[in-house]
Amino acid sequence: MDYFLSLLTILIAILHLGSPVYVEIRQYRGYMQRTHNDLRRQEGAADMQYMTTDRELELRAQQWVDRCGFFHQQRGYGENLAFYSSTGPTPRADYVIRNSMRSWYNEKPLYRFGRGSCGRACHYTQMVWARTSRMGCAMSYCDTLYDDNGQVHRNAMYFACFYSPPGNYIGQTPYTPGYPCSRCSFGDSCIDGLCYTRGEFTNMENVCFARM
């Protein structure tokens, strides 16, 4: 009975999701991409791909946060989600972005390299998954946000980053330890210790941001 009551609560919540308000974060594209690449570079990986910004992933992430429901999607993308709610002033977008990425990466001590799953560090492992080479992030303000436990959060900023190819495959490790770029795919070049596959840059804006 408790299971069905919980399920009913979640279904009711989904039907009454808060109204989203688009939050412009395109000015932080460079910062988000650069932060991901800086953190990936620190891992000491032989096969870590350089991360670029993908507009299609941004669109998909925006569509997801516009739902104002803190649920995981099952659409073939990697994802990291976060929200910040407040009984006072609405959290600023730059605060949400900075602290979300920091909290995701700070899961690193919870991960034991070589085990077959990401455990309680799945945000961290997705950030440093070697084969992931594209990312797109988005944000919405939700006057009411529901999570997958049916709890209600008011005055919330909902932030998501989607990734492709996705990571966190069971039985695999995030990357191959070794000298940077020593295990890049044939034809790749090396950008500051990260493997770059020709054609990954979607526009010159990404190149400029990446090298600031």
N, C-alpha and C. Protein backbone atom coordinates (compact mmCIF):
# COMPACT_ATOMS: atom_id res chain seq x y z
N MET A 1 0.83 -1.21 0.00
CA MET A 1 0.00 0.00 0.00
C MET A 1 0.87 1.26 0.00
N ASP A 2 1.94 1.26 0.83
CA ASP A 2 2.81 2.42 0.88
C ASP A 2 3.43 2.70 -0.48
N TYR A 3 3.77 1.63 -1.20
CA TYR A 3 4.37 1.79 -2.53
C TYR A 3 3.40 2.50 -3.46
N PHE A 4 2.13 2.08 -3.45
CA PHE A 4 1.15 2.67 -4.35
C PHE A 4 0.84 4.11 -3.95
N LEU A 5 0.86 4.41 -2.66
CA LEU A 5 0.65 5.79 -2.23
C LEU A 5 1.80 6.68 -2.68
N SER A 6 3.03 6.16 -2.59
CA SER A 6 4.18 6.92 -3.05
C SER A 6 4.12 7.15 -4.55
N LEU A 7 3.74 6.11 -5.29
CA LEU A 7 3.62 6.24 -6.74
C LEU A 7 2.55 7.25 -7.11
N LEU A 8 1.43 7.23 -6.38
CA LEU A 8 0.35 8.18 -6.64
C LEU A 8 0.82 9.60 -6.37
N THR A 9 1.59 9.78 -5.31
CA THR A 9 2.11 11.11 -4.98
C THR A 9 2.99 11.65 -6.09
N ILE A 10 3.85 10.78 -6.63
CA ILE A 10 4.73 11.19 -7.72
C ILE A 10 3.93 11.54 -8.97
N LEU A 11 2.93 10.74 -9.30
CA LEU A 11 2.11 11.00 -10.48
C LEU A 11 1.36 12.32 -10.35
N ILE A 12 0.84 12.59 -9.17
CA ILE A 12 0.15 13.86 -8.93
C ILE A 12 1.12 15.02 -9.09
N ALA A 13 2.33 14.83 -8.57
CA ALA A 13 3.34 15.88 -8.68
C ALA A 13 3.68 16.18 -10.13
N ILE A 14 3.83 15.11 -10.92
CA ILE A 14 4.17 15.29 -12.33
C ILE A 14 3.10 16.09 -13.05
N LEU A 15 1.85 15.86 -12.69
CA LEU A 15 0.74 16.56 -13.35
C LEU A 15 0.63 18.01 -12.91
N HIS A 16 1.34 18.38 -11.84
CA HIS A 16 1.23 19.73 -11.31
C HIS A 16 2.60 20.40 -11.20
N LEU A 17 3.47 20.15 -12.16
CA LEU A 17 4.79 20.73 -12.13
C LEU A 17 4.72 22.24 -12.26
N GLY A 18 5.69 22.92 -11.61
CA GLY A 18 5.68 24.37 -11.62
C GLY A 18 5.95 24.95 -12.99
N SER A 19 5.56 26.20 -13.18
CA SER A 19 5.76 26.88 -14.46
C SER A 19 7.22 27.31 -14.58
N PRO A 20 7.90 26.93 -15.67
CA PRO A 20 9.31 27.29 -15.82
C PRO A 20 9.49 28.69 -16.39
N VAL A 21 10.59 29.32 -16.02
CA VAL A 21 11.02 30.58 -16.61
C VAL A 21 12.44 30.37 -17.13
N TYR A 22 12.64 30.59 -18.41
CA TYR A 22 13.95 30.39 -19.03
C TYR A 22 15.00 31.29 -18.37
N VAL A 23 16.15 30.71 -18.06
CA VAL A 23 17.28 31.46 -17.50
C VAL A 23 18.41 31.45 -18.51
N GLU A 24 18.83 32.62 -18.95
CA GLU A 24 19.88 32.74 -19.95
C GLU A 24 21.25 32.44 -19.32
N ILE A 25 21.92 31.40 -19.80
CA ILE A 25 23.26 31.08 -19.30
C ILE A 25 24.27 30.91 -20.43
N ARG A 26 23.92 31.37 -21.63
CA ARG A 26 24.85 31.20 -22.74
C ARG A 26 26.16 31.93 -22.50
N GLN A 27 26.12 33.01 -21.70
CA GLN A 27 27.34 33.75 -21.40
C GLN A 27 28.32 32.94 -20.56
N TYR A 28 27.84 31.83 -19.99
CA TYR A 28 28.70 30.97 -19.18
C TYR A 28 29.16 29.72 -19.93
N ARG A 29 28.88 29.63 -21.21
CA ARG A 29 29.28 28.46 -21.98
C ARG A 29 30.78 28.19 -21.85
N GLY A 30 31.56 29.23 -22.08
CA GLY A 30 33.00 29.07 -22.03
C GLY A 30 33.48 28.61 -20.66
N TYR A 31 32.92 29.20 -19.63
CA TYR A 31 33.30 28.83 -18.26
C TYR A 31 32.96 27.37 -17.97
N MET A 32 31.78 26.94 -18.37
CA MET A 32 31.37 25.56 -18.10
C MET A 32 32.23 24.56 -18.87
N GLN A 33 32.48 24.85 -20.14
CA GLN A 33 33.30 23.96 -20.95
C GLN A 33 34.73 23.92 -20.42
N ARG A 34 35.27 25.09 -20.11
CA ARG A 34 36.65 25.17 -19.62
C ARG A 34 36.80 24.45 -18.28
N THR A 35 35.81 24.61 -17.40
CA THR A 35 35.86 23.95 -16.10
C THR A 35 35.87 22.43 -16.26
N HIS A 36 34.99 21.94 -17.13
CA HIS A 36 34.97 20.49 -17.38
C HIS A 36 36.34 20.01 -17.89
N ASN A 37 36.90 20.72 -18.87
CA ASN A 37 38.17 20.28 -19.44
C ASN A 37 39.31 20.38 -18.43
N ASP A 38 39.31 21.42 -17.61
CA ASP A 38 40.35 21.55 -16.58
C ASP A 38 40.29 20.39 -15.59
N LEU A 39 39.09 20.02 -15.19
CA LEU A 39 38.93 18.92 -14.24
C LEU A 39 39.29 17.58 -14.89
N ARG A 40 38.91 17.42 -16.15
CA ARG A 40 39.24 16.18 -16.87
C ARG A 40 40.76 16.05 -17.03
N ARG A 41 41.40 17.17 -17.25
CA ARG A 41 42.86 17.18 -17.45
C ARG A 41 43.59 16.74 -16.17
N GLN A 42 43.01 17.01 -15.03
CA GLN A 42 43.65 16.69 -13.75
C GLN A 42 43.70 15.19 -13.47
N GLU A 43 42.91 14.40 -14.19
CA GLU A 43 42.76 12.99 -13.85
C GLU A 43 43.96 12.13 -14.21
N GLY A 44 44.84 12.63 -15.06
CA GLY A 44 45.98 11.81 -15.47
C GLY A 44 45.57 10.64 -16.34
N ALA A 45 44.72 10.94 -17.34
CA ALA A 45 44.18 9.89 -18.20
C ALA A 45 44.93 9.85 -19.53
N ALA A 46 45.07 8.65 -20.07
CA ALA A 46 45.75 8.48 -21.35
C ALA A 46 44.82 8.70 -22.53
N ASP A 47 43.50 8.66 -22.30
CA ASP A 47 42.54 8.66 -23.41
C ASP A 47 41.40 9.65 -23.21
N MET A 48 41.63 10.71 -22.43
CA MET A 48 40.56 11.65 -22.11
C MET A 48 40.27 12.58 -23.29
N GLN A 49 39.03 12.58 -23.74
CA GLN A 49 38.62 13.44 -24.85
C GLN A 49 38.44 14.89 -24.40
N TYR A 50 38.75 15.79 -25.30
CA TYR A 50 38.49 17.22 -25.09
C TYR A 50 36.98 17.46 -25.22
N MET A 51 36.40 18.18 -24.28
CA MET A 51 34.96 18.41 -24.26
C MET A 51 34.61 19.69 -25.02
N THR A 52 33.61 19.61 -25.89
CA THR A 52 33.13 20.78 -26.61
C THR A 52 31.65 21.00 -26.30
N THR A 53 31.19 22.21 -26.59
CA THR A 53 29.79 22.56 -26.34
C THR A 53 28.94 22.21 -27.56
N ASP A 54 27.82 21.57 -27.33
CA ASP A 54 26.94 21.10 -28.39
C ASP A 54 25.57 21.76 -28.24
N ARG A 55 25.13 22.47 -29.28
CA ARG A 55 23.87 23.21 -29.20
C ARG A 55 22.66 22.29 -29.09
N GLU A 56 22.72 21.13 -29.72
CA GLU A 56 21.60 20.19 -29.64
C GLU A 56 21.44 19.69 -28.20
N LEU A 57 22.54 19.41 -27.53
CA LEU A 57 22.46 18.98 -26.14
C LEU A 57 21.95 20.10 -25.24
N GLU A 58 22.32 21.33 -25.56
CA GLU A 58 21.77 22.47 -24.81
C GLU A 58 20.26 22.51 -24.93
N LEU A 59 19.77 22.31 -26.14
CA LEU A 59 18.32 22.32 -26.37
C LEU A 59 17.64 21.21 -25.59
N ARG A 60 18.20 20.01 -25.64
CA ARG A 60 17.60 18.88 -24.92
C ARG A 60 17.63 19.12 -23.41
N ALA A 61 18.71 19.68 -22.92
CA ALA A 61 18.79 19.98 -21.49
C ALA A 61 17.76 21.04 -21.11
N GLN A 62 17.57 22.03 -21.98
CA GLN A 62 16.58 23.07 -21.70
C GLN A 62 15.17 22.49 -21.66
N GLN A 63 14.87 21.64 -22.59
CA GLN A 63 13.55 20.99 -22.59
C GLN A 63 13.33 20.19 -21.31
N TRP A 64 14.41 19.62 -20.79
CA TRP A 64 14.26 18.81 -19.58
C TRP A 64 14.02 19.67 -18.34
N VAL A 65 14.83 20.72 -18.16
CA VAL A 65 14.65 21.55 -16.95
C VAL A 65 13.35 22.34 -17.01
N ASP A 66 12.84 22.57 -18.22
CA ASP A 66 11.55 23.27 -18.34
C ASP A 66 10.40 22.45 -17.76
N ARG A 67 10.63 21.19 -17.50
CA ARG A 67 9.59 20.35 -16.89
C ARG A 67 9.41 20.66 -15.40
N CYS A 68 10.43 21.28 -14.81
CA CYS A 68 10.40 21.59 -13.36
C CYS A 68 10.15 20.34 -12.53
N GLY A 69 10.68 19.23 -12.98
CA GLY A 69 10.62 17.98 -12.23
C GLY A 69 12.02 17.41 -12.10
N PHE A 70 12.48 17.20 -10.89
CA PHE A 70 13.84 16.72 -10.65
C PHE A 70 13.87 15.21 -10.78
N PHE A 71 13.80 14.76 -12.04
CA PHE A 71 13.79 13.34 -12.35
C PHE A 71 14.88 13.07 -13.38
N HIS A 72 15.37 11.83 -13.42
CA HIS A 72 16.36 11.45 -14.42
C HIS A 72 15.65 11.03 -15.70
N GLN A 73 16.19 11.52 -16.83
CA GLN A 73 15.64 11.16 -18.14
C GLN A 73 16.24 9.84 -18.59
N GLN A 74 15.57 9.19 -19.50
CA GLN A 74 16.03 7.90 -20.04
C GLN A 74 16.06 7.99 -21.57
N ARG A 75 16.78 8.97 -22.09
CA ARG A 75 16.74 9.24 -23.52
C ARG A 75 18.09 9.06 -24.20
N GLY A 76 19.00 8.36 -23.55
CA GLY A 76 20.26 8.05 -24.20
C GLY A 76 21.36 9.06 -24.01
N TYR A 77 21.13 10.10 -23.20
CA TYR A 77 22.17 11.08 -22.92
C TYR A 77 22.74 10.83 -21.53
N GLY A 78 24.02 11.19 -21.34
CA GLY A 78 24.51 11.29 -19.99
C GLY A 78 23.93 12.55 -19.38
N GLU A 79 23.88 12.62 -18.07
CA GLU A 79 23.29 13.81 -17.45
C GLU A 79 23.85 14.03 -16.05
N ASN A 80 23.92 15.28 -15.68
CA ASN A 80 24.12 15.70 -14.30
C ASN A 80 23.09 16.77 -14.00
N LEU A 81 22.37 16.60 -12.91
CA LEU A 81 21.30 17.51 -12.53
C LEU A 81 21.58 18.12 -11.17
N ALA A 82 21.08 19.34 -10.96
CA ALA A 82 21.18 19.99 -9.66
C ALA A 82 20.10 21.06 -9.57
N PHE A 83 19.67 21.34 -8.36
CA PHE A 83 18.80 22.50 -8.17
C PHE A 83 19.13 23.16 -6.84
N TYR A 84 18.87 24.45 -6.77
CA TYR A 84 19.04 25.22 -5.55
C TYR A 84 17.74 25.98 -5.30
N SER A 85 17.18 25.80 -4.13
CA SER A 85 15.96 26.51 -3.76
C SER A 85 16.24 27.38 -2.55
N SER A 86 15.39 28.37 -2.35
CA SER A 86 15.63 29.32 -1.26
C SER A 86 14.31 29.90 -0.76
N THR A 87 14.24 30.13 0.55
CA THR A 87 13.10 30.84 1.12
C THR A 87 13.32 32.34 1.07
N GLY A 88 14.51 32.74 0.66
CA GLY A 88 14.84 34.15 0.51
C GLY A 88 15.01 34.52 -0.94
N PRO A 89 16.05 35.31 -1.26
CA PRO A 89 16.30 35.69 -2.65
C PRO A 89 16.59 34.48 -3.52
N THR A 90 16.17 34.56 -4.77
CA THR A 90 16.43 33.47 -5.72
C THR A 90 17.93 33.32 -5.95
N PRO A 91 18.47 32.11 -5.88
CA PRO A 91 19.91 31.91 -6.13
C PRO A 91 20.30 32.42 -7.52
N ARG A 92 21.46 33.04 -7.61
CA ARG A 92 21.94 33.57 -8.89
C ARG A 92 22.42 32.44 -9.78
N ALA A 93 22.29 32.65 -11.09
CA ALA A 93 22.67 31.62 -12.06
C ALA A 93 24.13 31.23 -11.93
N ASP A 94 25.03 32.22 -11.80
CA ASP A 94 26.45 31.90 -11.72
C ASP A 94 26.77 31.11 -10.45
N TYR A 95 26.08 31.40 -9.37
CA TYR A 95 26.26 30.65 -8.12
C TYR A 95 25.84 29.19 -8.32
N VAL A 96 24.69 29.00 -8.96
CA VAL A 96 24.18 27.65 -9.19
C VAL A 96 25.14 26.85 -10.07
N ILE A 97 25.61 27.45 -11.14
CA ILE A 97 26.52 26.76 -12.06
C ILE A 97 27.81 26.37 -11.35
N ARG A 98 28.42 27.35 -10.70
CA ARG A 98 29.71 27.10 -10.04
C ARG A 98 29.60 26.02 -8.97
N ASN A 99 28.60 26.13 -8.11
CA ASN A 99 28.48 25.18 -7.00
C ASN A 99 27.98 23.81 -7.45
N SER A 100 27.20 23.77 -8.51
CA SER A 100 26.75 22.47 -9.03
C SER A 100 27.93 21.68 -9.56
N MET A 101 28.74 22.31 -10.40
CA MET A 101 29.89 21.60 -10.96
C MET A 101 30.88 21.20 -9.87
N ARG A 102 31.04 22.07 -8.88
CA ARG A 102 31.94 21.74 -7.77
C ARG A 102 31.43 20.53 -6.99
N SER A 103 30.13 20.52 -6.71
CA SER A 103 29.57 19.41 -5.92
C SER A 103 29.63 18.10 -6.71
N TRP A 104 29.41 18.16 -8.03
CA TRP A 104 29.51 16.95 -8.85
C TRP A 104 30.93 16.37 -8.77
N TYR A 105 31.91 17.23 -8.99
CA TYR A 105 33.30 16.74 -9.00
C TYR A 105 33.76 16.31 -7.61
N ASN A 106 33.22 16.94 -6.58
CA ASN A 106 33.64 16.62 -5.21
C ASN A 106 33.17 15.24 -4.75
N GLU A 107 32.43 14.54 -5.60
CA GLU A 107 32.10 13.15 -5.29
C GLU A 107 33.30 12.21 -5.51
N LYS A 108 34.37 12.72 -6.05
CA LYS A 108 35.53 11.89 -6.41
C LYS A 108 36.00 10.98 -5.28
N PRO A 109 36.11 11.45 -4.02
CA PRO A 109 36.57 10.54 -2.95
C PRO A 109 35.64 9.35 -2.72
N LEU A 110 34.41 9.43 -3.20
CA LEU A 110 33.46 8.33 -3.01
C LEU A 110 33.64 7.21 -4.04
N TYR A 111 34.48 7.48 -5.04
CA TYR A 111 34.65 6.50 -6.12
C TYR A 111 35.95 5.72 -5.93
N ARG A 112 35.86 4.41 -6.00
CA ARG A 112 37.04 3.55 -5.96
C ARG A 112 37.33 3.08 -7.38
N PHE A 113 38.42 3.55 -7.94
CA PHE A 113 38.74 3.27 -9.33
C PHE A 113 38.90 1.76 -9.54
N GLY A 114 38.25 1.29 -10.59
CA GLY A 114 38.34 -0.11 -10.95
C GLY A 114 37.12 -0.93 -10.60
N ARG A 115 36.25 -0.38 -9.75
CA ARG A 115 35.04 -1.14 -9.45
C ARG A 115 34.06 -1.00 -10.60
N GLY A 116 33.09 -1.86 -10.65
CA GLY A 116 32.25 -1.97 -11.83
C GLY A 116 31.10 -1.00 -11.95
N SER A 117 30.92 -0.11 -10.98
CA SER A 117 29.83 0.86 -11.08
C SER A 117 30.28 2.18 -10.46
N CYS A 118 29.53 3.23 -10.75
CA CYS A 118 29.90 4.55 -10.24
C CYS A 118 29.47 4.76 -8.80
N GLY A 119 28.60 3.88 -8.28
CA GLY A 119 28.20 3.96 -6.88
C GLY A 119 27.55 5.29 -6.53
N ARG A 120 28.11 5.97 -5.54
CA ARG A 120 27.59 7.26 -5.10
C ARG A 120 28.36 8.43 -5.72
N ALA A 121 29.10 8.15 -6.78
CA ALA A 121 29.92 9.18 -7.42
C ALA A 121 29.61 9.32 -8.90
N CYS A 122 28.36 9.08 -9.27
CA CYS A 122 28.00 9.05 -10.70
C CYS A 122 28.09 10.41 -11.38
N HIS A 123 27.91 11.50 -10.63
CA HIS A 123 28.08 12.84 -11.22
C HIS A 123 29.56 13.04 -11.59
N TYR A 124 30.43 12.69 -10.65
CA TYR A 124 31.87 12.82 -10.90
C TYR A 124 32.31 11.97 -12.09
N THR A 125 31.92 10.71 -12.11
CA THR A 125 32.39 9.83 -13.18
C THR A 125 31.87 10.27 -14.55
N GLN A 126 30.66 10.84 -14.61
CA GLN A 126 30.19 11.35 -15.90
C GLN A 126 31.02 12.54 -16.35
N MET A 127 31.41 13.40 -15.42
CA MET A 127 32.23 14.56 -15.78
C MET A 127 33.57 14.15 -16.37
N VAL A 128 34.12 13.03 -15.89
CA VAL A 128 35.47 12.63 -16.33
C VAL A 128 35.45 11.36 -17.18
N TRP A 129 34.29 11.03 -17.74
CA TRP A 129 34.21 9.85 -18.61
C TRP A 129 34.97 10.15 -19.89
N ALA A 130 35.99 9.36 -20.19
CA ALA A 130 36.94 9.68 -21.25
C ALA A 130 36.29 9.82 -22.62
N ARG A 131 35.36 8.93 -22.96
CA ARG A 131 34.77 8.92 -24.30
C ARG A 131 33.76 10.05 -24.51
N THR A 132 33.27 10.64 -23.45
CA THR A 132 32.33 11.75 -23.58
C THR A 132 33.06 12.96 -24.14
N SER A 133 32.55 13.52 -25.22
CA SER A 133 33.26 14.62 -25.88
C SER A 133 32.38 15.84 -26.14
N ARG A 134 31.09 15.75 -25.83
CA ARG A 134 30.19 16.88 -26.07
C ARG A 134 29.31 17.10 -24.85
N MET A 135 29.00 18.36 -24.58
CA MET A 135 28.18 18.72 -23.45
C MET A 135 27.26 19.87 -23.82
N GLY A 136 26.15 19.98 -23.12
CA GLY A 136 25.24 21.10 -23.30
C GLY A 136 24.46 21.31 -22.01
N CYS A 137 24.47 22.52 -21.49
CA CYS A 137 23.85 22.80 -20.20
C CYS A 137 22.75 23.84 -20.34
N ALA A 138 21.81 23.82 -19.41
CA ALA A 138 20.68 24.74 -19.45
C ALA A 138 20.14 24.94 -18.04
N MET A 139 19.32 26.00 -17.89
CA MET A 139 18.77 26.31 -16.58
C MET A 139 17.38 26.92 -16.72
N SER A 140 16.52 26.60 -15.77
CA SER A 140 15.20 27.23 -15.66
C SER A 140 14.93 27.60 -14.22
N TYR A 141 14.16 28.66 -14.05
CA TYR A 141 13.64 29.00 -12.73
C TYR A 141 12.28 28.33 -12.58
N CYS A 142 12.08 27.64 -11.47
CA CYS A 142 10.81 26.96 -11.21
C CYS A 142 10.22 27.51 -9.91
N ASP A 143 9.05 28.12 -10.00
CA ASP A 143 8.43 28.58 -8.75
C ASP A 143 8.09 27.41 -7.86
N THR A 144 7.81 26.26 -8.49
CA THR A 144 7.56 25.01 -7.76
C THR A 144 8.26 23.88 -8.50
N LEU A 145 9.10 23.15 -7.78
CA LEU A 145 9.82 22.02 -8.38
C LEU A 145 9.56 20.78 -7.54
N TYR A 146 9.27 19.68 -8.23
CA TYR A 146 9.01 18.41 -7.56
C TYR A 146 10.16 17.45 -7.83
N ASP A 147 10.54 16.69 -6.79
CA ASP A 147 11.56 15.67 -6.99
C ASP A 147 10.91 14.30 -7.08
N ASP A 148 11.74 13.27 -7.27
CA ASP A 148 11.18 11.94 -7.50
C ASP A 148 10.68 11.27 -6.22
N ASN A 149 10.78 11.97 -5.10
CA ASN A 149 10.15 11.50 -3.87
C ASN A 149 8.83 12.19 -3.59
N GLY A 150 8.42 13.05 -4.54
CA GLY A 150 7.17 13.78 -4.37
C GLY A 150 7.29 15.01 -3.51
N GLN A 151 8.52 15.37 -3.10
CA GLN A 151 8.72 16.55 -2.28
C GLN A 151 8.64 17.81 -3.12
N VAL A 152 8.18 18.89 -2.50
CA VAL A 152 7.99 20.16 -3.18
C VAL A 152 9.09 21.13 -2.77
N HIS A 153 9.68 21.81 -3.76
CA HIS A 153 10.72 22.80 -3.50
C HIS A 153 10.29 24.11 -4.17
N ARG A 154 10.27 25.18 -3.41
CA ARG A 154 9.83 26.48 -3.92
C ARG A 154 11.03 27.34 -4.32
N ASN A 155 10.77 28.25 -5.25
CA ASN A 155 11.76 29.26 -5.62
C ASN A 155 13.09 28.58 -5.98
N ALA A 156 13.04 27.72 -6.98
CA ALA A 156 14.20 26.87 -7.30
C ALA A 156 14.81 27.22 -8.66
N MET A 157 16.12 27.16 -8.71
CA MET A 157 16.87 27.23 -9.97
C MET A 157 17.30 25.81 -10.31
N TYR A 158 16.87 25.34 -11.47
CA TYR A 158 17.08 23.95 -11.89
C TYR A 158 18.10 23.94 -13.02
N PHE A 159 19.21 23.23 -12.82
CA PHE A 159 20.35 23.24 -13.73
C PHE A 159 20.65 21.82 -14.20
N ALA A 160 20.93 21.68 -15.49
CA ALA A 160 21.24 20.35 -16.04
C ALA A 160 22.33 20.46 -17.10
N CYS A 161 23.21 19.48 -17.11
CA CYS A 161 24.17 19.30 -18.20
C CYS A 161 23.94 17.92 -18.80
N PHE A 162 23.77 17.89 -20.11
CA PHE A 162 23.63 16.63 -20.84
C PHE A 162 24.94 16.35 -21.56
N TYR A 163 25.25 15.05 -21.73
CA TYR A 163 26.53 14.64 -22.29
C TYR A 163 26.35 13.58 -23.37
N SER A 164 27.29 13.60 -24.34
CA SER A 164 27.30 12.58 -25.38
C SER A 164 28.73 12.35 -25.85
N PRO A 165 29.11 11.12 -26.12
CA PRO A 165 28.41 9.89 -25.75
C PRO A 165 28.27 9.79 -24.23
N PRO A 166 27.24 9.11 -23.76
CA PRO A 166 27.03 9.02 -22.31
C PRO A 166 28.09 8.15 -21.64
N GLY A 167 28.24 8.34 -20.33
CA GLY A 167 29.18 7.53 -19.57
C GLY A 167 28.47 6.65 -18.56
N ASN A 168 29.23 6.24 -17.55
CA ASN A 168 28.71 5.45 -16.43
C ASN A 168 28.18 4.08 -16.84
N TYR A 169 28.89 3.43 -17.75
CA TYR A 169 28.51 2.07 -18.13
C TYR A 169 28.99 1.09 -17.05
N ILE A 170 28.11 0.20 -16.66
CA ILE A 170 28.44 -0.80 -15.66
C ILE A 170 29.54 -1.72 -16.20
N GLY A 171 30.53 -1.97 -15.37
CA GLY A 171 31.63 -2.84 -15.76
C GLY A 171 32.79 -2.12 -16.42
N GLN A 172 32.66 -0.79 -16.62
CA GLN A 172 33.73 -0.01 -17.24
C GLN A 172 34.25 1.04 -16.27
N THR A 173 35.50 1.44 -16.47
CA THR A 173 36.07 2.54 -15.69
C THR A 173 35.97 3.82 -16.51
N PRO A 174 36.01 4.99 -15.86
CA PRO A 174 35.82 6.24 -16.60
C PRO A 174 36.88 6.50 -17.66
N TYR A 175 38.11 6.11 -17.38
CA TYR A 175 39.21 6.41 -18.30
C TYR A 175 40.35 5.42 -18.07
N THR A 176 41.34 5.49 -18.97
CA THR A 176 42.54 4.67 -18.83
C THR A 176 43.66 5.51 -18.22
N PRO A 177 44.14 5.17 -17.04
CA PRO A 177 45.24 5.94 -16.45
C PRO A 177 46.49 5.84 -17.32
N GLY A 178 47.25 6.93 -17.38
CA GLY A 178 48.47 6.90 -18.16
C GLY A 178 48.91 8.28 -18.59
N TYR A 179 49.98 8.33 -19.37
CA TYR A 179 50.50 9.61 -19.83
C TYR A 179 49.47 10.28 -20.73
N PRO A 180 49.19 11.58 -20.53
CA PRO A 180 48.15 12.27 -21.30
C PRO A 180 48.33 12.11 -22.81
N CYS A 181 47.26 11.77 -23.48
CA CYS A 181 47.19 11.64 -24.93
C CYS A 181 47.91 10.41 -25.48
N SER A 182 48.43 9.55 -24.61
CA SER A 182 49.16 8.38 -25.10
C SER A 182 48.24 7.29 -25.64
N ARG A 183 46.93 7.40 -25.36
CA ARG A 183 45.97 6.41 -25.87
C ARG A 183 44.86 7.07 -26.68
N CYS A 184 45.15 8.19 -27.30
CA CYS A 184 44.16 8.83 -28.17
C CYS A 184 43.88 7.95 -29.38
N SER A 185 42.70 8.11 -29.96
CA SER A 185 42.37 7.37 -31.18
C SER A 185 43.25 7.83 -32.33
N PHE A 186 43.44 6.94 -33.32
CA PHE A 186 44.26 7.27 -34.48
C PHE A 186 43.68 8.50 -35.18
N GLY A 187 44.52 9.47 -35.48
CA GLY A 187 44.09 10.67 -36.15
C GLY A 187 43.76 11.82 -35.23
N ASP A 188 43.63 11.54 -33.92
CA ASP A 188 43.36 12.61 -32.96
C ASP A 188 44.60 13.47 -32.78
N SER A 189 44.36 14.73 -32.42
CA SER A 189 45.46 15.58 -31.98
C SER A 189 45.36 15.76 -30.47
N CYS A 190 46.34 16.39 -29.88
CA CYS A 190 46.39 16.55 -28.43
C CYS A 190 46.31 18.03 -28.09
N ILE A 191 45.33 18.42 -27.29
CA ILE A 191 45.17 19.80 -26.84
C ILE A 191 45.37 19.84 -25.33
N ASP A 192 46.55 20.30 -24.92
CA ASP A 192 46.84 20.44 -23.49
C ASP A 192 46.52 19.18 -22.71
N GLY A 193 46.92 18.05 -23.22
CA GLY A 193 46.75 16.80 -22.50
C GLY A 193 45.42 16.10 -22.71
N LEU A 194 44.59 16.61 -23.63
CA LEU A 194 43.30 15.99 -23.93
C LEU A 194 43.23 15.64 -25.41
N CYS A 195 42.62 14.51 -25.72
CA CYS A 195 42.50 14.05 -27.10
C CYS A 195 41.41 14.85 -27.82
N TYR A 196 41.76 15.37 -28.97
CA TYR A 196 40.79 16.14 -29.76
C TYR A 196 40.55 15.44 -31.09
N THR A 197 39.30 15.09 -31.34
CA THR A 197 38.90 14.47 -32.60
C THR A 197 38.48 15.56 -33.57
N ARG A 198 39.08 15.58 -34.73
CA ARG A 198 38.78 16.62 -35.73
C ARG A 198 37.29 16.64 -36.03
N GLY A 199 36.73 17.86 -36.05
CA GLY A 199 35.32 18.01 -36.33
C GLY A 199 34.47 18.16 -35.09
N GLU A 200 35.06 18.00 -33.88
CA GLU A 200 34.27 18.11 -32.66
C GLU A 200 33.88 19.55 -32.36
N PHE A 201 34.72 20.53 -32.76
CA PHE A 201 34.34 21.92 -32.52
C PHE A 201 33.16 22.28 -33.40
N THR A 202 32.08 22.75 -32.80
CA THR A 202 30.89 23.08 -33.56
C THR A 202 30.92 24.51 -34.07
N ASN A 203 31.74 25.37 -33.50
CA ASN A 203 31.86 26.74 -33.97
C ASN A 203 33.12 27.35 -33.39
N MET A 204 33.55 28.48 -33.95
CA MET A 204 34.78 29.10 -33.51
C MET A 204 34.68 29.63 -32.08
N GLU A 205 33.47 29.89 -31.62
CA GLU A 205 33.27 30.36 -30.26
C GLU A 205 33.87 29.37 -29.26
N ASN A 206 33.68 28.08 -29.53
CA ASN A 206 34.20 27.06 -28.63
C ASN A 206 35.73 27.10 -28.58
N VAL A 207 36.37 27.32 -29.72
CA VAL A 207 37.82 27.37 -29.76
C VAL A 207 38.33 28.52 -28.91
N CYS A 208 37.70 29.68 -29.06
CA CYS A 208 38.13 30.85 -28.31
C CYS A 208 37.92 30.64 -26.82
N PHE A 209 36.76 30.15 -26.44
CA PHE A 209 36.47 29.93 -25.04
C PHE A 209 37.46 28.94 -24.44
N ALA A 210 37.76 27.88 -25.21
CA ALA A 210 38.58 26.81 -24.66
C ALA A 210 40.00 27.27 -24.37
N ARG A 211 40.44 28.33 -25.06
CA ARG A 211 41.84 28.73 -24.94
C ARG A 211 42.00 30.05 -24.19
N MET A 212 40.97 30.54 -23.57
CA MET A 212 41.06 31.77 -22.80
C MET A 212 41.86 31.54 -21.53
